[in-house]
PDB file of N, CA and C in Angstrom:
ATOM      1  N   MET A   1     219.923  27.544 186.635  1.00  0.00           N
ATOM      2  CA  MET A   1     219.445  28.238 187.811  1.00  0.00           C
ATOM      3  C   MET A   1     218.229  29.073 187.434  1.00  0.00           C
ATOM      4  N   GLU A   2     217.212  29.016 188.270  1.00  0.00           N
ATOM      5  CA  GLU A   2     215.980  29.758 188.034  1.00  0.00           C
ATOM      6  C   GLU A   2     216.202  31.238 188.304  1.00  0.00           C
ATOM      7  N   ARG A   3     215.684  32.077 187.412  1.00  0.00           N
ATOM      8  CA  ARG A   3     215.798  33.526 187.569  1.00  0.00           C
ATOM      9  C   ARG A   3     214.458  34.162 187.218  1.00  0.00           C
ATOM     10  N   LEU A   4     214.253  35.351 187.753  1.00  0.00           N
ATOM     11  CA  LEU A   4     213.063  36.125 187.413  1.00  0.00           C
ATOM     12  C   LEU A   4     213.378  37.009 186.228  1.00  0.00           C
ATOM     13  N   CYS A   5     212.480  37.046 185.261  1.00  0.00           N
ATOM     14  CA  CYS A   5     212.645  37.933 184.111  1.00  0.00           C
ATOM     15  C   CYS A   5     211.870  39.219 184.416  1.00  0.00           C
ATOM     16  N   LEU A   6     212.607  40.307 184.596  1.00  0.00           N
ATOM     17  CA  LEU A   6     211.972  41.579 184.956  1.00  0.00           C
ATOM     18  C   LEU A   6     212.021  42.589 183.827  1.00  0.00           C
ATOM     19  N   LYS A   7     212.401  42.168 182.634  1.00  0.00           N
ATOM     20  CA  LYS A   7     212.541  43.102 181.522  1.00  0.00           C
ATOM     21  C   LYS A   7     211.224  43.758 181.149  1.00  0.00           C
ATOM     22  N   GLU A   8     210.119  43.027 181.274  1.00  0.00           N
ATOM     23  CA  GLU A   8     208.822  43.574 180.874  1.00  0.00           C
ATOM     24  C   GLU A   8     208.097  44.254 182.031  1.00  0.00           C
ATOM     25  N   ASP A   9     208.643  44.142 183.252  1.00  0.00           N
ATOM     26  CA  ASP A   9     208.025  44.784 184.400  1.00  0.00           C
ATOM     27  C   ASP A   9     208.388  46.264 184.415  1.00  0.00           C
ATOM     28  N   PRO A  10     207.397  47.128 184.617  1.00  0.00           N
ATOM     29  CA  PRO A  10     207.722  48.560 184.703  1.00  0.00           C
ATOM     30  C   PRO A  10     208.491  48.827 185.991  1.00  0.00           C
ATOM     31  N   ARG A  11     209.252  49.874 185.975  1.00  0.00           N
ATOM     32  CA  ARG A  11     209.978  50.272 187.184  1.00  0.00           C
ATOM     33  C   ARG A  11     208.964  50.806 188.185  1.00  0.00           C
ATOM     34  N   VAL A  12     208.900  50.160 189.314  1.00  0.00           N
ATOM     35  CA  VAL A  12     207.962  50.580 190.349  1.00  0.00           C
ATOM     36  C   VAL A  12     208.709  50.711 191.670  1.00  0.00           C
ATOM     37  N   TYR A  13     207.981  51.162 192.671  1.00  0.00           N
ATOM     38  CA  TYR A  13     208.542  51.328 194.015  1.00  0.00           C
ATOM     39  C   TYR A  13     209.138  50.013 194.500  1.00  0.00           C
ATOM     40  N   GLN A  14     210.322  50.074 195.046  1.00  0.00           N
ATOM     41  CA  GLN A  14     210.978  48.900 195.597  1.00  0.00           C
ATOM     42  C   GLN A  14     211.091  49.073 197.104  1.00  0.00           C
ATOM     43  N   PRO A  15     210.240  48.382 197.852  1.00  0.00           N
ATOM     44  CA  PRO A  15     210.239  48.564 199.307  1.00  0.00           C
ATOM     45  C   PRO A  15     211.519  48.037 199.950  1.00  0.00           C
ATOM     46  N   ARG A  16     211.866  48.643 201.057  1.00  0.00           N
ATOM     47  CA  ARG A  16     213.021  48.171 201.820  1.00  0.00           C
ATOM     48  C   ARG A  16     212.611  46.930 202.608  1.00  0.00           C
ATOM     49  N   ILE A  17     213.561  46.059 202.817  1.00  0.00           N
ATOM     50  CA  ILE A  17     213.326  44.831 203.575  1.00  0.00           C
ATOM     51  C   ILE A  17     214.257  44.867 204.787  1.00  0.00           C
ATOM     52  N   ARG A  18     213.732  44.541 205.937  1.00  0.00           N
ATOM     53  CA  ARG A  18     214.536  44.549 207.161  1.00  0.00           C
ATOM     54  C   ARG A  18     215.719  43.581 207.039  1.00  0.00           C
ATOM     55  N   ALA A  19     216.820  43.963 207.637  1.00  0.00           N
ATOM     56  CA  ALA A  19     218.049  43.166 207.553  1.00  0.00           C
ATOM     57  C   ALA A  19     217.844  41.752 208.078  1.00  0.00           C
ATOM     58  N   VAL A  20     217.033  41.599 209.121  1.00  0.00           N
ATOM     59  CA  VAL A  20     216.799  40.259 209.674  1.00  0.00           C
ATOM     60  C   VAL A  20     216.110  39.362 208.637  1.00  0.00           C
ATOM     61  N   ARG A  21     215.249  39.942 207.814  1.00  0.00           N
ATOM     62  CA  ARG A  21     214.582  39.162 206.758  1.00  0.00           C
ATOM     63  C   ARG A  21     215.584  38.776 205.658  1.00  0.00           C
ATOM     64  N   ILE A  22     216.484  39.711 205.349  1.00  0.00           N
ATOM     65  CA  ILE A  22     217.494  39.425 204.328  1.00  0.00           C
ATOM     66  C   ILE A  22     218.379  38.279 204.792  1.00  0.00           C
ATOM     67  N   ARG A  23     218.762  38.284 206.071  1.00  0.00           N
ATOM     68  CA  ARG A  23     219.587  37.181 206.597  1.00  0.00           C
ATOM     69  C   ARG A  23     218.849  35.852 206.477  1.00  0.00           C
ATOM     70  N   GLY A  24     217.534  35.884 206.795  1.00  0.00           N
ATOM     71  CA  GLY A  24     216.738  34.658 206.659  1.00  0.00           C
ATOM     72  C   GLY A  24     216.655  34.191 205.215  1.00  0.00           C
ATOM     73  N   LEU A  25     216.459  35.138 204.303  1.00  0.00           N
ATOM     74  CA  LEU A  25     216.427  34.792 202.876  1.00  0.00           C
ATOM     75  C   LEU A  25     217.767  34.219 202.423  1.00  0.00           C
ATOM     76  N   TYR A  26     218.845  34.811 202.920  1.00  0.00           N
ATOM     77  CA  TYR A  26     220.170  34.323 202.532  1.00  0.00           C
ATOM     78  C   TYR A  26     220.378  32.894 203.024  1.00  0.00           C
ATOM     79  N   GLU A  27     219.899  32.601 204.237  1.00  0.00           N
ATOM     80  CA  GLU A  27     220.008  31.229 204.755  1.00  0.00           C
ATOM     81  C   GLU A  27     219.184  30.270 203.896  1.00  0.00           C
ATOM     82  N   MET A  28     217.975  30.691 203.494  1.00  0.00           N
ATOM     83  CA  MET A  28     217.158  29.841 202.611  1.00  0.00           C
ATOM     84  C   MET A  28     217.859  29.620 201.281  1.00  0.00           C
ATOM     85  N   LYS A  29     218.483  30.673 200.753  1.00  0.00           N
ATOM     86  CA  LYS A  29     219.222  30.576 199.493  1.00  0.00           C
ATOM     87  C   LYS A  29     220.340  29.554 199.618  1.00  0.00           C
ATOM     88  N   ALA A  30     221.045  29.583 200.755  1.00  0.00           N
ATOM     89  CA  ALA A  30     222.160  28.655 200.958  1.00  0.00           C
ATOM     90  C   ALA A  30     221.675  27.206 201.001  1.00  0.00           C
ATOM     91  N   VAL A  31     220.507  26.989 201.581  1.00  0.00           N
ATOM     92  CA  VAL A  31     219.972  25.630 201.692  1.00  0.00           C
ATOM     93  C   VAL A  31     219.361  25.152 200.376  1.00  0.00           C
ATOM     94  N   THR A  32     218.593  26.042 199.723  1.00  0.00           N
ATOM     95  CA  THR A  32     217.843  25.639 198.524  1.00  0.00           C
ATOM     96  C   THR A  32     218.618  25.844 197.226  1.00  0.00           C
ATOM     97  N   HIS A  33     219.690  26.644 197.281  1.00  0.00           N
ATOM     98  CA  HIS A  33     220.477  26.974 196.082  1.00  0.00           C
ATOM     99  C   HIS A  33     219.629  27.691 195.030  1.00  0.00           C
ATOM    100  N   ARG A  34     218.677  28.505 195.510  1.00  0.00           N
ATOM    101  CA  ARG A  34     217.821  29.282 194.612  1.00  0.00           C
ATOM    102  C   ARG A  34     218.046  30.761 194.905  1.00  0.00           C
ATOM    103  N   PRO A  35     217.936  31.622 193.908  1.00  0.00           N
ATOM    104  CA  PRO A  35     218.148  33.059 194.133  1.00  0.00           C
ATOM    105  C   PRO A  35     217.156  33.627 195.151  1.00  0.00           C
ATOM    106  N   MET A  36     217.626  34.595 195.932  1.00  0.00           N
ATOM    107  CA  MET A  36     216.760  35.220 196.937  1.00  0.00           C
ATOM    108  C   MET A  36     215.566  35.898 196.290  1.00  0.00           C
ATOM    109  N   THR A  37     215.735  36.480 195.101  1.00  0.00           N
ATOM    110  CA  THR A  37     214.607  37.139 194.436  1.00  0.00           C
ATOM    111  C   THR A  37     213.510  36.138 194.108  1.00  0.00           C
ATOM    112  N   VAL A  38     213.888  34.938 193.711  1.00  0.00           N
ATOM    113  CA  VAL A  38     212.897  33.900 193.408  1.00  0.00           C
ATOM    114  C   VAL A  38     212.187  33.469 194.687  1.00  0.00           C
ATOM    115  N   LEU A  39     212.956  33.282 195.749  1.00  0.00           N
ATOM    116  CA  LEU A  39     212.352  32.882 197.027  1.00  0.00           C
ATOM    117  C   LEU A  39     211.385  33.947 197.530  1.00  0.00           C
ATOM    118  N   LEU A  40     211.780  35.191 197.426  1.00  0.00           N
ATOM    119  CA  LEU A  40     210.930  36.291 197.871  1.00  0.00           C
ATOM    120  C   LEU A  40     209.673  36.407 197.011  1.00  0.00           C
ATOM    121  N   ASP A  41     209.825  36.240 195.714  1.00  0.00           N
ATOM    122  CA  ASP A  41     208.680  36.303 194.808  1.00  0.00           C
ATOM    123  C   ASP A  41     207.680  35.193 195.127  1.00  0.00           C
ATOM    124  N   GLU A  42     208.178  34.001 195.394  1.00  0.00           N
ATOM    125  CA  GLU A  42     207.291  32.882 195.745  1.00  0.00           C
ATOM    126  C   GLU A  42     206.573  33.145 197.073  1.00  0.00           C
ATOM    127  N   ALA A  43     207.317  33.666 198.052  1.00  0.00           N
ATOM    128  CA  ALA A  43     206.715  33.953 199.356  1.00  0.00           C
ATOM    129  C   ALA A  43     205.614  35.002 199.226  1.00  0.00           C
ATOM    130  N   LEU A  44     205.871  36.046 198.444  1.00  0.00           N
ATOM    131  CA  LEU A  44     204.850  37.076 198.241  1.00  0.00           C
ATOM    132  C   LEU A  44     203.638  36.525 197.497  1.00  0.00           C
ATOM    133  N   SER A  45     203.863  35.652 196.531  1.00  0.00           N
ATOM    134  CA  SER A  45     202.743  35.039 195.802  1.00  0.00           C
ATOM    135  C   SER A  45     201.840  34.265 196.744  1.00  0.00           C
ATOM    136  N   ILE A  46     202.441  33.496 197.631  1.00  0.00           N
ATOM    137  CA  ILE A  46     201.658  32.712 198.592  1.00  0.00           C
ATOM    138  C   ILE A  46     200.919  33.640 199.551  1.00  0.00           C
ATOM    139  N   TYR A  47     201.620  34.643 200.070  1.00  0.00           N
ATOM    140  CA  TYR A  47     201.015  35.584 201.014  1.00  0.00           C
ATOM    141  C   TYR A  47     199.833  36.307 200.380  1.00  0.00           C
ATOM    142  N   LEU A  48     200.031  36.812 199.163  1.00  0.00           N
ATOM    143  CA  LEU A  48     198.959  37.554 198.492  1.00  0.00           C
ATOM    144  C   LEU A  48     197.782  36.657 198.142  1.00  0.00           C
ATOM    145  N   ALA A  49     198.048  35.416 197.733  1.00  0.00           N
ATOM    146  CA  ALA A  49     196.952  34.486 197.425  1.00  0.00           C
ATOM    147  C   ALA A  49     196.114  34.236 198.674  1.00  0.00           C
ATOM    148  N   ASN A  50     196.774  34.082 199.814  1.00  0.00           N
ATOM    149  CA  ASN A  50     196.037  33.884 201.071  1.00  0.00           C
ATOM    150  C   ASN A  50     195.261  35.136 201.455  1.00  0.00           C
ATOM    151  N   PHE A  51     195.867  36.289 201.283  1.00  0.00           N
ATOM    152  CA  PHE A  51     195.186  37.537 201.645  1.00  0.00           C
ATOM    153  C   PHE A  51     193.975  37.774 200.748  1.00  0.00           C
ATOM    154  N   LEU A  52     194.125  37.577 199.451  1.00  0.00           N
ATOM    155  CA  LEU A  52     193.046  37.875 198.520  1.00  0.00           C
ATOM    156  C   LEU A  52     191.861  36.922 198.657  1.00  0.00           C
ATOM    157  N   THR A  53     192.035  35.831 199.387  1.00  0.00           N
ATOM    158  CA  THR A  53     190.914  34.920 199.641  1.00  0.00           C
ATOM    159  C   THR A  53     190.473  34.992 201.099  1.00  0.00           C
ATOM    160  N   SER A  54     191.017  35.944 201.857  1.00  0.00           N
ATOM    161  CA  SER A  54     190.699  36.056 203.278  1.00  0.00           C
ATOM    162  C   SER A  54     189.339  36.713 203.484  1.00  0.00           C
ATOM    163  N   PRO A  55     188.698  36.409 204.615  1.00  0.00           N
ATOM    164  CA  PRO A  55     187.416  37.061 204.935  1.00  0.00           C
ATOM    165  C   PRO A  55     187.553  38.574 205.058  1.00  0.00           C
ATOM    166  N   GLU A  56     188.678  39.066 205.574  1.00  0.00           N
ATOM    167  CA  GLU A  56     188.870  40.508 205.723  1.00  0.00           C
ATOM    168  C   GLU A  56     188.857  41.205 204.365  1.00  0.00           C
ATOM    169  N   TYR A  57     189.553  40.631 203.397  1.00  0.00           N
ATOM    170  CA  TYR A  57     189.596  41.236 202.070  1.00  0.00           C
ATOM    171  C   TYR A  57     188.222  41.158 201.402  1.00  0.00           C
ATOM    172  N   THR A  58     187.561  40.024 201.530  1.00  0.00           N
ATOM    173  CA  THR A  58     186.225  39.865 200.956  1.00  0.00           C
ATOM    174  C   THR A  58     185.257  40.880 201.556  1.00  0.00           C
ATOM    175  N   GLU A  59     185.335  41.064 202.880  1.00  0.00           N
ATOM    176  CA  GLU A  59     184.473  42.038 203.548  1.00  0.00           C
ATOM    177  C   GLU A  59     184.775  43.453 203.065  1.00  0.00           C
ATOM    178  N   TRP A  60     186.046  43.781 202.902  1.00  0.00           N
ATOM    179  CA  TRP A  60     186.421  45.107 202.418  1.00  0.00           C
ATOM    180  C   TRP A  60     185.869  45.344 201.011  1.00  0.00           C
ATOM    181  N   CYS A  61     185.974  44.336 200.136  1.00  0.00           N
ATOM    182  CA  CYS A  61     185.455  44.464 198.768  1.00  0.00           C
ATOM    183  C   CYS A  61     183.944  44.679 198.776  1.00  0.00           C
ATOM    184  N   GLU A  62     183.243  43.903 199.585  1.00  0.00           N
ATOM    185  CA  GLU A  62     181.786  44.044 199.658  1.00  0.00           C
ATOM    186  C   GLU A  62     181.401  45.414 200.200  1.00  0.00           C
ATOM    187  N   HIS A  63     182.105  45.882 201.210  1.00  0.00           N
ATOM    188  CA  HIS A  63     181.839  47.209 201.780  1.00  0.00           C
ATOM    189  C   HIS A  63     182.050  48.293 200.723  1.00  0.00           C
ATOM    190  N   THR A  64     183.135  48.178 199.976  1.00  0.00           N
ATOM    191  CA  THR A  64     183.438  49.156 198.930  1.00  0.00           C
ATOM    192  C   THR A  64     182.370  49.144 197.842  1.00  0.00           C
ATOM    193  N   GLU A  65     181.939  47.967 197.436  1.00  0.00           N
ATOM    194  CA  GLU A  65     180.886  47.863 196.420  1.00  0.00           C
ATOM    195  C   GLU A  65     179.591  48.480 196.912  1.00  0.00           C
ATOM    196  N   ARG A  66     179.246  48.267 198.198  1.00  0.00           N
ATOM    197  CA  ARG A  66     178.030  48.870 198.756  1.00  0.00           C
ATOM    198  C   ARG A  66     178.123  50.392 198.730  1.00  0.00           C
ATOM    199  N   GLN A  67     179.293  50.920 199.091  1.00  0.00           N
ATOM    200  CA  GLN A  67     179.471  52.372 199.071  1.00  0.00           C
ATOM    201  C   GLN A  67     179.314  52.928 197.652  1.00  0.00           C
ATOM    202  N   ILE A  68     179.874  52.238 196.686  1.00  0.00           N
ATOM    203  CA  ILE A  68     179.749  52.684 195.290  1.00  0.00           C
ATOM    204  C   ILE A  68     178.292  52.649 194.860  1.00  0.00           C
ATOM    205  N   ASP A  69     177.594  51.551 195.172  1.00  0.00           N
ATOM    206  CA  ASP A  69     176.180  51.433 194.810  1.00  0.00           C
ATOM    207  C   ASP A  69     175.348  52.541 195.455  1.00  0.00           C
ATOM    208  N   GLU A  70     175.640  52.847 196.725  1.00  0.00           N
ATOM    209  CA  GLU A  70     174.903  53.914 197.411  1.00  0.00           C
ATOM    210  C   GLU A  70     175.136  55.257 196.735  1.00  0.00           C
ATOM    211  N   ARG A  71     176.365  55.523 196.347  1.00  0.00           N
ATOM    212  CA  ARG A  71     176.671  56.793 195.673  1.00  0.00           C
ATOM    213  C   ARG A  71     175.977  56.871 194.315  1.00  0.00           C
ATOM    214  N   LEU A  72     175.922  55.746 193.612  1.00  0.00           N
ATOM    215  CA  LEU A  72     175.275  55.737 192.298  1.00  0.00           C
ATOM    216  C   LEU A  72     173.765  55.895 192.412  1.00  0.00           C
ATOM    217  N   ASP A  73     173.199  55.426 193.526  1.00  0.00           N
ATOM    218  CA  ASP A  73     171.758  55.525 193.730  1.00  0.00           C
ATOM    219  C   ASP A  73     171.326  56.917 194.174  1.00  0.00           C
ATOM    220  N   GLU A  74     172.253  57.718 194.681  1.00  0.00           N
ATOM    221  CA  GLU A  74     171.917  59.064 195.152  1.00  0.00           C
ATOM    222  C   GLU A  74     171.511  59.953 193.983  1.00  0.00           C
ATOM    223  N   GLU A  75     170.561  60.822 194.268  1.00  0.00           N
ATOM    224  CA  GLU A  75     170.175  61.819 193.281  1.00  0.00           C
ATOM    225  C   GLU A  75     171.268  62.878 193.239  1.00  0.00           C
ATOM    226  N   PRO A  76     171.657  63.316 192.056  1.00  0.00           N
ATOM    227  CA  PRO A  76     172.703  64.350 192.008  1.00  0.00           C
ATOM    228  C   PRO A  76     172.202  65.652 192.608  1.00  0.00           C
ATOM    229  N   ASP A  77     173.056  66.315 193.312  1.00  0.00           N
ATOM    230  CA  ASP A  77     172.740  67.608 193.914  1.00  0.00           C
ATOM    231  C   ASP A  77     173.142  68.677 192.907  1.00  0.00           C
ATOM    232  N   ASN A  78     172.151  69.375 192.383  1.00  0.00           N
ATOM    233  CA  ASN A  78     172.433  70.376 191.355  1.00  0.00           C
ATOM    234  C   ASN A  78     173.298  71.515 191.853  1.00  0.00           C
ATOM    235  N   ASP A  79     173.356  71.685 193.164  1.00  0.00           N
ATOM    236  CA  ASP A  79     174.227  72.722 193.714  1.00  0.00           C
ATOM    237  C   ASP A  79     175.705  72.355 193.539  1.00  0.00           C
ATOM    238  N   ASP A  80     175.965  71.101 193.273  1.00  0.00           N
ATOM    239  CA  ASP A  80     177.347  70.657 193.067  1.00  0.00           C
ATOM    240  C   ASP A  80     177.864  71.030 191.687  1.00  0.00           C
ATOM    241  N   PHE A  81     176.971  71.412 190.795  1.00  0.00           N
ATOM    242  CA  PHE A  81     177.358  71.701 189.423  1.00  0.00           C
ATOM    243  C   PHE A  81     177.212  73.193 189.140  1.00  0.00           C
ATOM    244  N   GLU A  82     178.164  73.714 188.431  1.00  0.00           N
ATOM    245  CA  GLU A  82     178.128  75.123 188.073  1.00  0.00           C
ATOM    246  C   GLU A  82     177.239  75.312 186.841  1.00  0.00           C
ATOM    247  N   ASP A  83     176.461  76.374 186.859  1.00  0.00           N
ATOM    248  CA  ASP A  83     175.608  76.675 185.719  1.00  0.00           C
ATOM    249  C   ASP A  83     176.487  77.214 184.588  1.00  0.00           C
ATOM    250  N   LEU A  84     176.590  76.461 183.518  1.00  0.00           N
ATOM    251  CA  LEU A  84     177.456  76.840 182.408  1.00  0.00           C
ATOM    252  C   LEU A  84     176.749  77.696 181.370  1.00  0.00           C
ATOM    253  N   SER A  85     175.472  77.922 181.542  1.00  0.00           N
ATOM    254  CA  SER A  85     174.733  78.668 180.542  1.00  0.00           C
ATOM    255  C   SER A  85     175.265  80.098 180.415  1.00  0.00           C
ATOM    256  N   THR A  86     175.742  80.685 181.498  1.00  0.00           N
ATOM    257  CA  THR A  86     176.283  82.037 181.404  1.00  0.00           C
ATOM    258  C   THR A  86     177.524  82.066 180.512  1.00  0.00           C
ATOM    259  N   TYR A  87     178.279  81.038 180.529  1.00  0.00           N
ATOM    260  CA  TYR A  87     179.457  80.976 179.673  1.00  0.00           C
ATOM    261  C   TYR A  87     179.060  80.742 178.219  1.00  0.00           C
ATOM    262  N   LEU A  88     178.057  79.908 178.017  1.00  0.00           N
ATOM    263  CA  LEU A  88     177.631  79.593 176.662  1.00  0.00           C
ATOM    264  C   LEU A  88     176.981  80.802 176.002  1.00  0.00           C
ATOM    265  N   ASP A  89     176.278  81.649 176.777  1.00  0.00           N
ATOM    266  CA  ASP A  89     175.655  82.850 176.226  1.00  0.00           C
ATOM    267  C   ASP A  89     176.694  83.809 175.646  1.00  0.00           C
ATOM    268  N   GLN A  90     177.870  83.782 176.164  1.00  0.00           N
ATOM    269  CA  GLN A  90     178.922  84.670 175.668  1.00  0.00           C
ATOM    270  C   GLN A  90     179.325  84.331 174.230  1.00  0.00           C
ATOM    271  N   TYR A  91     179.125  83.099 173.838  1.00  0.00           N
ATOM    272  CA  TYR A  91     179.568  82.655 172.508  1.00  0.00           C
ATOM    273  C   TYR A  91     178.453  82.665 171.481  1.00  0.00           C
ATOM    274  N   ASP A  92     177.240  83.069 171.874  1.00  0.00           N
ATOM    275  CA  ASP A  92     176.132  83.123 170.914  1.00  0.00           C
ATOM    276  C   ASP A  92     176.152  84.390 170.113  1.00  0.00           C
TER     277      ASP A  92
END
């Protein structure tokens, strides 16, 4: 029987799943004779692969990169930085 090896996975947040989804997973388990965790892992893999190649995700990535580039191109505002020379003079 196929199982997921989670020994090397760090303990992370485990989201709750609606009872109606669990019933559906249990029915799939009964038909396929595969563990629900394996079925759920496969479903999430497919969903995430589709999302990560979607136009919405691509657009979000491009938008984020543009924002980063704009911030990097900005001249630093010296008012944002504290003058440390007064502190350094104390140690001379």
